[in-house]
Amino acid sequence: MMAEVSPAVREPAASQLQIGSSTITYLEAGQGVPLVLLHGIGSAAWSFQDQLMALSARYRVIAWDAPGYGGSSCLADPVPKAADYAQAVAGFLDALKIERCHLLGHSLGCLMAASFARLYPQRLLSLTLSSIAVGQAHMLAEERQKLLDQRLQDVTVLSPREMAEKRGPRLLALAATPAMVRRVIDAMAAVRPDGYSQAARMLAGGDVKADIAAIPSDLSLQIIYGEADVITPPARNLEVAALRPQAPVRAIADAGHALYLEKPEAFNAAVRDFIG
């Protein structure tokens, strides 16, 4: 199912920024109040195509390629923390001359977004977290290392395409169309092993709950999840939501982990209703 798109909306423009010695590539569409989108570990800016096209009728929508993804430079630290990605977001916004924005994170992007909200709450108009990756800092060291080793093995032993064929279909509900499955696989197949490995190490040490607990209570926060998500299940999203009882929670029926791609109309409506 295609997202709703105004005929006046143009295709998102691919751009890049030089920030010191680092490069960030991104897509941008629309004008007005900025809405910045942070993708997950197996994705990229262009996976937000439906949001860039539909939401840019009202907002200046910007989706970055996280450090180590697309044409973006890796972070300097081979074992980065969520705060390192948050600092990169801050530099990205500075380069775009954006003082305040609505910020949306998906999956691993939630760790980046929550860390940014803790460090720079004054720069946010709102925060949306979807399909929340909570991080693995709470796990026993042995279990955490096992999961990290599995991810690192996938990206080193398998080709990105093989890894995508293995992992990609689980990001969608069983009723997803072949076209949706192909989009998810194609996005994951484009990941770079260096950026993916850094992101996996950040996930292993991440703790989104600690960051959310430190976010000012007056910052507008929304949580969106898919009812058929097996990667970050509903219960996990609701555990995070319990930290902010006043935050609205939107559950999208028949949607898996990549709900913004699988159910774009419902996802976009949740975003518009919250930030509009």
C-alpha atoms as a PDB file:
ATOM      1  CA  MET A   1       0.000   0.000   0.000  1.00  0.00           C
ATOM      2  CA  MET A   2       1.433   3.361  -0.975  1.00  0.00           C
ATOM      3  CA  ALA A   3       1.573   6.338   1.330  1.00  0.00           C
ATOM      4  CA  GLU A   4      -0.661   9.337   0.722  1.00  0.00           C
ATOM      5  CA  VAL A   5       1.278  11.953  -1.234  1.00  0.00           C
ATOM      6  CA  SER A   6       0.274  15.456  -2.239  1.00  0.00           C
ATOM      7  CA  PRO A   7       0.869  16.068  -5.942  1.00  0.00           C
ATOM      8  CA  ALA A   8       2.726  19.262  -5.012  1.00  0.00           C
ATOM      9  CA  VAL A   9       5.349  17.361  -3.023  1.00  0.00           C
ATOM     10  CA  ARG A  10       8.649  16.825  -4.802  1.00  0.00           C
ATOM     11  CA  GLU A  11      10.870  13.788  -4.639  1.00  0.00           C
ATOM     12  CA  PRO A  12      13.270  13.995  -1.677  1.00  0.00           C
ATOM     13  CA  ALA A  13      16.623  15.508  -2.555  1.00  0.00           C
ATOM     14  CA  ALA A  14      19.818  13.576  -1.796  1.00  0.00           C
ATOM     15  CA  SER A  15      22.458  15.790  -0.195  1.00  0.00           C
ATOM     16  CA  GLN A  16      25.634  15.616   1.832  1.00  0.00           C
ATOM     17  CA  LEU A  17      27.250  17.784   4.467  1.00  0.00           C
ATOM     18  CA  GLN A  18      30.898  18.120   5.371  1.00  0.00           C
ATOM     19  CA  ILE A  19      31.158  18.521   9.141  1.00  0.00           C
ATOM     20  CA  GLY A  20      34.797  18.927  10.032  1.00  0.00           C
ATOM     21  CA  SER A  21      36.529  15.842   8.677  1.00  0.00           C
ATOM     22  CA  SER A  22      33.283  13.849   8.561  1.00  0.00           C
ATOM     23  CA  THR A  23      30.585  13.524   5.916  1.00  0.00           C
ATOM     24  CA  ILE A  24      26.869  12.989   6.494  1.00  0.00           C
ATOM     25  CA  THR A  25      24.535  12.062   3.643  1.00  0.00           C
ATOM     26  CA  TYR A  26      20.805  12.614   3.931  1.00  0.00           C
ATOM     27  CA  LEU A  27      17.476  13.039   2.160  1.00  0.00           C
ATOM     28  CA  GLU A  28      15.284  16.101   2.530  1.00  0.00           C
ATOM     29  CA  ALA A  29      11.850  17.149   1.324  1.00  0.00           C
ATOM     30  CA  GLY A  30       9.385  19.912   2.160  1.00  0.00           C
ATOM     31  CA  GLN A  31       9.534  23.166   4.060  1.00  0.00           C
ATOM     32  CA  GLY A  32       8.519  24.437   7.450  1.00  0.00           C
ATOM     33  CA  VAL A  33       9.121  23.045  10.920  1.00  0.00           C
ATOM     34  CA  PRO A  34      11.867  20.369  10.791  1.00  0.00           C
ATOM     35  CA  LEU A  35      11.081  16.709  11.392  1.00  0.00           C
ATOM     36  CA  VAL A  36      14.272  14.627  11.601  1.00  0.00           C
ATOM     37  CA  LEU A  37      14.182  10.837  11.135  1.00  0.00           C
ATOM     38  CA  LEU A  38      16.781   8.410  12.538  1.00  0.00           C
ATOM     39  CA  HIS A  39      16.770   4.906  11.033  1.00  0.00           C
ATOM     40  CA  GLY A  40      17.597   1.544  12.589  1.00  0.00           C
ATOM     41  CA  ILE A  41      20.581  -0.781  12.439  1.00  0.00           C
ATOM     42  CA  GLY A  42      19.658  -2.508   9.181  1.00  0.00           C
ATOM     43  CA  SER A  43      18.322   0.445   7.282  1.00  0.00           C
ATOM     44  CA  ALA A  44      19.139   3.837   5.754  1.00  0.00           C
ATOM     45  CA  ALA A  45      17.656   7.242   4.990  1.00  0.00           C
ATOM     46  CA  TRP A  46      15.857   6.075   1.855  1.00  0.00           C
ATOM     47  CA  SER A  47      13.832   3.496   3.788  1.00  0.00           C
ATOM     48  CA  PHE A  48      11.786   6.494   5.040  1.00  0.00           C
ATOM     49  CA  GLN A  49      10.628   7.226   1.492  1.00  0.00           C
ATOM     50  CA  ASP A  50       6.931   7.094   2.428  1.00  0.00           C
ATOM     51  CA  GLN A  51       7.454   9.573   5.282  1.00  0.00           C
ATOM     52  CA  LEU A  52       9.590  11.912   3.195  1.00  0.00           C
ATOM     53  CA  MET A  53       6.941  12.044   0.496  1.00  0.00           C
ATOM     54  CA  ALA A  54       3.791  12.251   2.638  1.00  0.00           C
ATOM     55  CA  LEU A  55       4.862  14.269   5.685  1.00  0.00           C
ATOM     56  CA  SER A  56       6.761  16.852   3.630  1.00  0.00           C
ATOM     57  CA  ALA A  57       3.403  18.338   2.648  1.00  0.00           C
ATOM     58  CA  ARG A  58       3.464  19.926   6.122  1.00  0.00           C
ATOM     59  CA  TYR A  59       7.027  19.711   7.406  1.00  0.00           C
ATOM     60  CA  ARG A  60      10.659  19.957   6.400  1.00  0.00           C
ATOM     61  CA  VAL A  61      11.400  16.231   6.617  1.00  0.00           C
ATOM     62  CA  ILE A  62      15.028  15.152   6.891  1.00  0.00           C
ATOM     63  CA  ALA A  63      16.285  11.571   7.085  1.00  0.00           C
ATOM     64  CA  TRP A  64      19.992  11.058   7.670  1.00  0.00           C
ATOM     65  CA  ASP A  65      22.262   8.154   6.908  1.00  0.00           C
ATOM     66  CA  ALA A  66      23.654   7.448  10.377  1.00  0.00           C
ATOM     67  CA  PRO A  67      27.446   7.420  10.776  1.00  0.00           C
ATOM     68  CA  GLY A  68      28.785   4.418   8.867  1.00  0.00           C
ATOM     69  CA  TYR A  69      25.692   4.141   6.649  1.00  0.00           C
ATOM     70  CA  GLY A  70      25.182   5.291   3.081  1.00  0.00           C
ATOM     71  CA  GLY A  71      27.846   7.876   2.333  1.00  0.00           C
ATOM     72  CA  SER A  72      28.234   8.968   5.964  1.00  0.00           C
ATOM     73  CA  SER A  73      31.584   8.654   7.706  1.00  0.00           C
ATOM     74  CA  CYS A  74      31.988   6.225  10.580  1.00  0.00           C
ATOM     75  CA  LEU A  75      32.396   7.545  14.100  1.00  0.00           C
ATOM     76  CA  ALA A  76      35.938   7.876  15.388  1.00  0.00           C
ATOM     77  CA  ASP A  77      35.438   5.434  18.271  1.00  0.00           C
ATOM     78  CA  PRO A  78      35.161   1.801  17.043  1.00  0.00           C
ATOM     79  CA  VAL A  79      33.059   1.010  20.135  1.00  0.00           C
ATOM     80  CA  PRO A  80      30.743   4.041  20.283  1.00  0.00           C
ATOM     81  CA  LYS A  81      28.042   4.863  22.788  1.00  0.00           C
ATOM     82  CA  ALA A  82      24.583   6.208  22.021  1.00  0.00           C
ATOM     83  CA  ALA A  83      25.854   9.601  23.162  1.00  0.00           C
ATOM     84  CA  ASP A  84      28.416   9.574  20.334  1.00  0.00           C
ATOM     85  CA  TYR A  85      25.609   9.256  17.802  1.00  0.00           C
ATOM     86  CA  ALA A  86      23.668  11.951  19.676  1.00  0.00           C
ATOM     87  CA  GLN A  87      26.640  14.275  19.345  1.00  0.00           C
ATOM     88  CA  ALA A  88      26.686  13.501  15.623  1.00  0.00           C
ATOM     89  CA  VAL A  89      22.990  14.432  15.430  1.00  0.00           C
ATOM     90  CA  ALA A  90      23.781  17.733  17.145  1.00  0.00           C
ATOM     91  CA  GLY A  91      26.535  18.488  14.649  1.00  0.00           C
ATOM     92  CA  PHE A  92      24.224  17.535  11.794  1.00  0.00           C
ATOM     93  CA  LEU A  93      21.520  19.930  13.016  1.00  0.00           C
ATOM     94  CA  ASP A  94      24.095  22.679  13.521  1.00  0.00           C
ATOM     95  CA  ALA A  95      25.307  22.267   9.948  1.00  0.00           C
ATOM     96  CA  LEU A  96      21.707  22.522   8.717  1.00  0.00           C
ATOM     97  CA  LYS A  97      21.176  25.588  10.927  1.00  0.00           C
ATOM     98  CA  ILE A  98      18.324  23.854  12.748  1.00  0.00           C
ATOM     99  CA  GLU A  99      17.927  25.092  16.304  1.00  0.00           C
ATOM    100  CA  ARG A 100      14.895  22.962  17.261  1.00  0.00           C
ATOM    101  CA  CYS A 101      13.114  20.062  15.607  1.00  0.00           C
ATOM    102  CA  HIS A 102      10.710  17.200  16.017  1.00  0.00           C
ATOM    103  CA  LEU A 103      12.860  14.069  16.309  1.00  0.00           C
ATOM    104  CA  LEU A 104      11.770  10.543  15.424  1.00  0.00           C
ATOM    105  CA  GLY A 105      13.811   7.409  16.011  1.00  0.00           C
ATOM    106  CA  HIS A 106      13.085   3.916  14.792  1.00  0.00           C
ATOM    107  CA  SER A 107      14.557   0.837  16.484  1.00  0.00           C
ATOM    108  CA  LEU A 108      18.280   1.545  17.013  1.00  0.00           C
ATOM    109  CA  GLY A 109      17.502   5.136  16.082  1.00  0.00           C
ATOM    110  CA  CYS A 110      15.537   5.304  19.346  1.00  0.00           C
ATOM    111  CA  LEU A 111      18.765   4.863  21.315  1.00  0.00           C
ATOM    112  CA  MET A 112      20.282   7.772  19.401  1.00  0.00           C
ATOM    113  CA  ALA A 113      17.157   9.911  19.742  1.00  0.00           C
ATOM    114  CA  ALA A 114      16.706   9.264  23.470  1.00  0.00           C
ATOM    115  CA  SER A 115      20.351  10.065  24.127  1.00  0.00           C
ATOM    116  CA  PHE A 116      19.991  13.292  22.157  1.00  0.00           C
ATOM    117  CA  ALA A 117      16.881  14.180  24.164  1.00  0.00           C
ATOM    118  CA  ARG A 118      18.791  13.666  27.404  1.00  0.00           C
ATOM    119  CA  LEU A 119      21.749  15.755  26.265  1.00  0.00           C
ATOM    120  CA  TYR A 120      19.891  18.455  24.311  1.00  0.00           C
ATOM    121  CA  PRO A 121      16.259  18.624  25.483  1.00  0.00           C
ATOM    122  CA  GLN A 122      16.087  22.328  24.669  1.00  0.00           C
ATOM    123  CA  ARG A 123      16.592  21.537  20.984  1.00  0.00           C
ATOM    124  CA  LEU A 124      13.504  19.330  20.703  1.00  0.00           C
ATOM    125  CA  LEU A 125       9.909  20.236  19.958  1.00  0.00           C
ATOM    126  CA  SER A 126       8.894  16.609  20.443  1.00  0.00           C
ATOM    127  CA  LEU A 127      10.292  13.089  20.519  1.00  0.00           C
ATOM    128  CA  THR A 128       8.741  10.055  18.821  1.00  0.00           C
ATOM    129  CA  LEU A 129      10.147   6.580  19.502  1.00  0.00           C
ATOM    130  CA  SER A 130       8.971   3.723  17.305  1.00  0.00           C
ATOM    131  CA  SER A 131       9.739   0.000  17.609  1.00  0.00           C
ATOM    132  CA  ILE A 132      12.081   0.783  20.467  1.00  0.00           C
ATOM    133  CA  ALA A 133      15.432  -0.967  20.733  1.00  0.00           C
ATOM    134  CA  VAL A 134      16.094  -0.744  24.463  1.00  0.00           C
ATOM    135  CA  GLY A 135      19.765  -1.703  24.290  1.00  0.00           C
ATOM    136  CA  GLN A 136      21.496  -4.637  25.964  1.00  0.00           C
ATOM    137  CA  ALA A 137      23.280  -2.984  28.875  1.00  0.00           C
ATOM    138  CA  HIS A 138      20.893  -4.678  31.310  1.00  0.00           C
ATOM    139  CA  MET A 139      21.856  -8.179  30.140  1.00  0.00           C
ATOM    140  CA  LEU A 140      24.488 -10.400  31.673  1.00  0.00           C
ATOM    141  CA  ALA A 141      27.869  -9.821  30.038  1.00  0.00           C
ATOM    142  CA  GLU A 142      27.979 -13.337  28.600  1.00  0.00           C
ATOM    143  CA  GLU A 143      24.551 -13.034  26.988  1.00  0.00           C
ATOM    144  CA  ARG A 144      25.325  -9.562  25.679  1.00  0.00           C
ATOM    145  CA  GLN A 145      28.578 -10.763  24.112  1.00  0.00           C
ATOM    146  CA  LYS A 146      26.819 -13.735  22.516  1.00  0.00           C
ATOM    147  CA  LEU A 147      24.281 -11.497  20.788  1.00  0.00           C
ATOM    148  CA  LEU A 148      26.991  -9.092  19.648  1.00  0.00           C
ATOM    149  CA  ASP A 149      29.101 -11.933  18.278  1.00  0.00           C
ATOM    150  CA  GLN A 150      26.100 -13.210  16.297  1.00  0.00           C
ATOM    151  CA  ARG A 151      25.599  -9.834  14.667  1.00  0.00           C
ATOM    152  CA  LEU A 152      29.295  -9.353  13.932  1.00  0.00           C
ATOM    153  CA  GLN A 153      29.510 -12.846  12.475  1.00  0.00           C
ATOM    154  CA  ASP A 154      26.525 -12.200  10.224  1.00  0.00           C
ATOM    155  CA  VAL A 155      28.091  -9.081   8.773  1.00  0.00           C
ATOM    156  CA  THR A 156      31.579 -10.572   8.351  1.00  0.00           C
ATOM    157  CA  VAL A 157      30.892 -14.172   7.283  1.00  0.00           C
ATOM    158  CA  LEU A 158      27.832 -13.368   5.176  1.00  0.00           C
ATOM    159  CA  SER A 159      27.624 -10.750   2.476  1.00  0.00           C
ATOM    160  CA  PRO A 160      25.270  -7.831   3.258  1.00  0.00           C
ATOM    161  CA  ARG A 161      22.782  -9.332   0.787  1.00  0.00           C
ATOM    162  CA  GLU A 162      22.944 -12.754   2.447  1.00  0.00           C
ATOM    163  CA  MET A 163      22.511 -11.178   5.868  1.00  0.00           C
ATOM    164  CA  ALA A 164      19.523  -9.231   4.590  1.00  0.00           C
ATOM    165  CA  GLU A 165      17.900 -12.342   3.149  1.00  0.00           C
ATOM    166  CA  LYS A 166      18.390 -14.049   6.530  1.00  0.00           C
ATOM    167  CA  ARG A 167      17.242 -11.256   8.848  1.00  0.00           C
ATOM    168  CA  GLY A 168      15.057  -8.979   6.726  1.00  0.00           C
ATOM    169  CA  PRO A 169      11.759 -10.897   6.492  1.00  0.00           C
ATOM    170  CA  ARG A 170      11.420 -11.047  10.298  1.00  0.00           C
ATOM    171  CA  LEU A 171      11.034  -7.253  10.331  1.00  0.00           C
ATOM    172  CA  LEU A 172       7.560  -7.544   8.828  1.00  0.00           C
ATOM    173  CA  ALA A 173       4.269  -9.135   9.776  1.00  0.00           C
ATOM    174  CA  LEU A 174       3.328 -12.423   8.145  1.00  0.00           C
ATOM    175  CA  ALA A 175       0.791 -10.676   5.905  1.00  0.00           C
ATOM    176  CA  ALA A 176       3.394  -8.336   4.379  1.00  0.00           C
ATOM    177  CA  THR A 177       3.446  -8.220   0.602  1.00  0.00           C
ATOM    178  CA  PRO A 178       6.423  -9.483  -1.425  1.00  0.00           C
ATOM    179  CA  ALA A 179       7.119  -5.867  -2.432  1.00  0.00           C
ATOM    180  CA  MET A 180       7.440  -4.846   1.227  1.00  0.00           C
ATOM    181  CA  VAL A 181       9.738  -7.764   1.963  1.00  0.00           C
ATOM    182  CA  ARG A 182      11.897  -6.781  -0.994  1.00  0.00           C
ATOM    183  CA  ARG A 183      12.149  -3.185   0.210  1.00  0.00           C
ATOM    184  CA  VAL A 184      13.288  -4.290   3.659  1.00  0.00           C
ATOM    185  CA  ILE A 185      15.819  -6.728   2.216  1.00  0.00           C
ATOM    186  CA  ASP A 186      17.165  -4.163  -0.246  1.00  0.00           C
ATOM    187  CA  ALA A 187      17.650  -1.620   2.554  1.00  0.00           C
ATOM    188  CA  MET A 188      19.483  -4.098   4.760  1.00  0.00           C
ATOM    189  CA  ALA A 189      21.573  -5.358   1.837  1.00  0.00           C
ATOM    190  CA  ALA A 190      22.951  -1.837   1.424  1.00  0.00           C
ATOM    191  CA  VAL A 191      24.453  -1.673   4.932  1.00  0.00           C
ATOM    192  CA  ARG A 192      28.207  -1.236   5.255  1.00  0.00           C
ATOM    193  CA  PRO A 193      29.964  -3.773   7.510  1.00  0.00           C
ATOM    194  CA  ASP A 194      31.992  -1.033   9.229  1.00  0.00           C
ATOM    195  CA  GLY A 195      28.953   1.065  10.136  1.00  0.00           C
ATOM    196  CA  TYR A 196      26.858  -1.963  11.060  1.00  0.00           C
ATOM    197  CA  SER A 197      29.595  -3.278  13.366  1.00  0.00           C
ATOM    198  CA  GLN A 198      29.849   0.059  15.161  1.00  0.00           C
ATOM    199  CA  ALA A 199      26.073   0.213  15.552  1.00  0.00           C
ATOM    200  CA  ALA A 200      25.973  -3.354  16.910  1.00  0.00           C
ATOM    201  CA  ARG A 201      28.544  -2.450  19.549  1.00  0.00           C
ATOM    202  CA  MET A 202      26.528   0.617  20.509  1.00  0.00           C
ATOM    203  CA  LEU A 203      23.412  -1.558  20.831  1.00  0.00           C
ATOM    204  CA  ALA A 204      25.292  -3.976  23.098  1.00  0.00           C
ATOM    205  CA  GLY A 205      26.100  -1.190  25.546  1.00  0.00           C
ATOM    206  CA  GLY A 206      22.930   0.869  25.104  1.00  0.00           C
ATOM    207  CA  ASP A 207      20.282   1.605  27.724  1.00  0.00           C
ATOM    208  CA  VAL A 208      17.352   3.591  26.370  1.00  0.00           C
ATOM    209  CA  LYS A 209      15.474   3.377  29.672  1.00  0.00           C
ATOM    210  CA  ALA A 210      18.227   5.234  31.506  1.00  0.00           C
ATOM    211  CA  ASP A 211      18.142   8.034  28.936  1.00  0.00           C
ATOM    212  CA  ILE A 212      14.339   8.293  28.980  1.00  0.00           C
ATOM    213  CA  ALA A 213      14.350   8.436  32.777  1.00  0.00           C
ATOM    214  CA  ALA A 214      16.650  11.460  32.530  1.00  0.00           C
ATOM    215  CA  ILE A 215      14.603  13.350  29.920  1.00  0.00           C
ATOM    216  CA  PRO A 216      12.753  16.405  31.308  1.00  0.00           C
ATOM    217  CA  SER A 217       9.146  15.570  32.126  1.00  0.00           C
ATOM    218  CA  ASP A 218       7.812  18.466  30.045  1.00  0.00           C
ATOM    219  CA  LEU A 219       9.300  17.169  26.784  1.00  0.00           C
ATOM    220  CA  SER A 220       6.524  15.806  24.561  1.00  0.00           C
ATOM    221  CA  LEU A 221       7.129  12.101  23.967  1.00  0.00           C
ATOM    222  CA  GLN A 222       5.180   9.572  21.898  1.00  0.00           C
ATOM    223  CA  ILE A 223       5.678   5.825  21.452  1.00  0.00           C
ATOM    224  CA  ILE A 224       4.539   3.863  18.387  1.00  0.00           C
ATOM    225  CA  TYR A 225       4.837   0.112  17.967  1.00  0.00           C
ATOM    226  CA  GLY A 226       3.546  -2.658  15.735  1.00  0.00           C
ATOM    227  CA  GLU A 227       1.296  -5.275  17.298  1.00  0.00           C
ATOM    228  CA  ALA A 228       3.002  -8.019  15.249  1.00  0.00           C
ATOM    229  CA  ASP A 229       6.581  -6.920  15.977  1.00  0.00           C
ATOM    230  CA  VAL A 230       8.809  -9.886  16.928  1.00  0.00           C
ATOM    231  CA  ILE A 231      12.059  -7.870  17.002  1.00  0.00           C
ATOM    232  CA  THR A 232      11.044  -5.298  19.620  1.00  0.00           C
ATOM    233  CA  PRO A 233       7.774  -6.853  20.849  1.00  0.00           C
ATOM    234  CA  PRO A 234       4.843  -4.816  22.173  1.00  0.00           C
ATOM    235  CA  ALA A 235       5.646  -5.738  25.778  1.00  0.00           C
ATOM    236  CA  ARG A 236       9.095  -4.220  25.455  1.00  0.00           C
ATOM    237  CA  ASN A 237       7.711  -0.967  24.088  1.00  0.00           C
ATOM    238  CA  LEU A 238       5.149  -0.868  26.891  1.00  0.00           C
ATOM    239  CA  GLU A 239       7.904  -1.324  29.484  1.00  0.00           C
ATOM    240  CA  VAL A 240       9.490   1.848  28.143  1.00  0.00           C
ATOM    241  CA  ALA A 241       6.122   3.604  28.036  1.00  0.00           C
ATOM    242  CA  ALA A 242       5.639   2.841  31.739  1.00  0.00           C
ATOM    243  CA  LEU A 243       8.524   5.209  32.464  1.00  0.00           C
ATOM    244  CA  ARG A 244       6.444   8.057  31.023  1.00  0.00           C
ATOM    245  CA  PRO A 245       2.805   7.300  31.902  1.00  0.00           C
ATOM    246  CA  GLN A 246       1.660  10.616  30.419  1.00  0.00           C
ATOM    247  CA  ALA A 247       3.123   9.819  26.993  1.00  0.00           C
ATOM    248  CA  PRO A 248       0.647   8.747  24.297  1.00  0.00           C
ATOM    249  CA  VAL A 249       1.146   5.241  22.950  1.00  0.00           C
ATOM    250  CA  ARG A 250      -0.027   4.201  19.482  1.00  0.00           C
ATOM    251  CA  ALA A 251      -0.259   0.515  18.592  1.00  0.00           C
ATOM    252  CA  ILE A 252      -0.556  -0.243  14.872  1.00  0.00           C
ATOM    253  CA  ALA A 253      -2.453  -3.406  14.050  1.00  0.00           C
ATOM    254  CA  ASP A 254      -0.984  -6.025  11.705  1.00  0.00           C
ATOM    255  CA  ALA A 255       2.367  -4.237  11.629  1.00  0.00           C
ATOM    256  CA  GLY A 256       5.767  -5.713  12.338  1.00  0.00           C
ATOM    257  CA  HIS A 257       9.026  -4.055  13.260  1.00  0.00           C
ATOM    258  CA  ALA A 258       9.353  -1.979  10.079  1.00  0.00           C
ATOM    259  CA  LEU A 259       5.908  -0.499  10.650  1.00  0.00           C
ATOM    260  CA  TYR A 260       6.694   2.844   8.961  1.00  0.00           C
ATOM    261  CA  LEU A 261       7.221   0.938   5.705  1.00  0.00           C
ATOM    262  CA  GLU A 262       4.541  -1.712   6.202  1.00  0.00           C
ATOM    263  CA  LYS A 263       1.718   0.567   7.377  1.00  0.00           C
ATOM    264  CA  PRO A 264       2.784   4.042   6.229  1.00  0.00           C
ATOM    265  CA  GLU A 265      -0.662   5.656   6.343  1.00  0.00           C
ATOM    266  CA  ALA A 266      -1.260   4.639   9.966  1.00  0.00           C
ATOM    267  CA  PHE A 267       2.304   5.505  10.946  1.00  0.00           C
ATOM    268  CA  ASN A 268       2.215   8.901   9.260  1.00  0.00           C
ATOM    269  CA  ALA A 269      -1.161   9.683  10.834  1.00  0.00           C
ATOM    270  CA  ALA A 270       0.264   8.894  14.292  1.00  0.00           C
ATOM    271  CA  VAL A 271       3.152  11.252  13.672  1.00  0.00           C
ATOM    272  CA  ARG A 272       0.959  14.041  12.280  1.00  0.00           C
ATOM    273  CA  ASP A 273      -1.583  13.744  15.080  1.00  0.00           C
ATOM    274  CA  PHE A 274       1.146  14.025  17.693  1.00  0.00           C
ATOM    275  CA  ILE A 275       3.338  16.794  16.313  1.00  0.00           C
ATOM    276  CA  GLY A 276       0.710  18.708  14.340  1.00  0.00           C
END
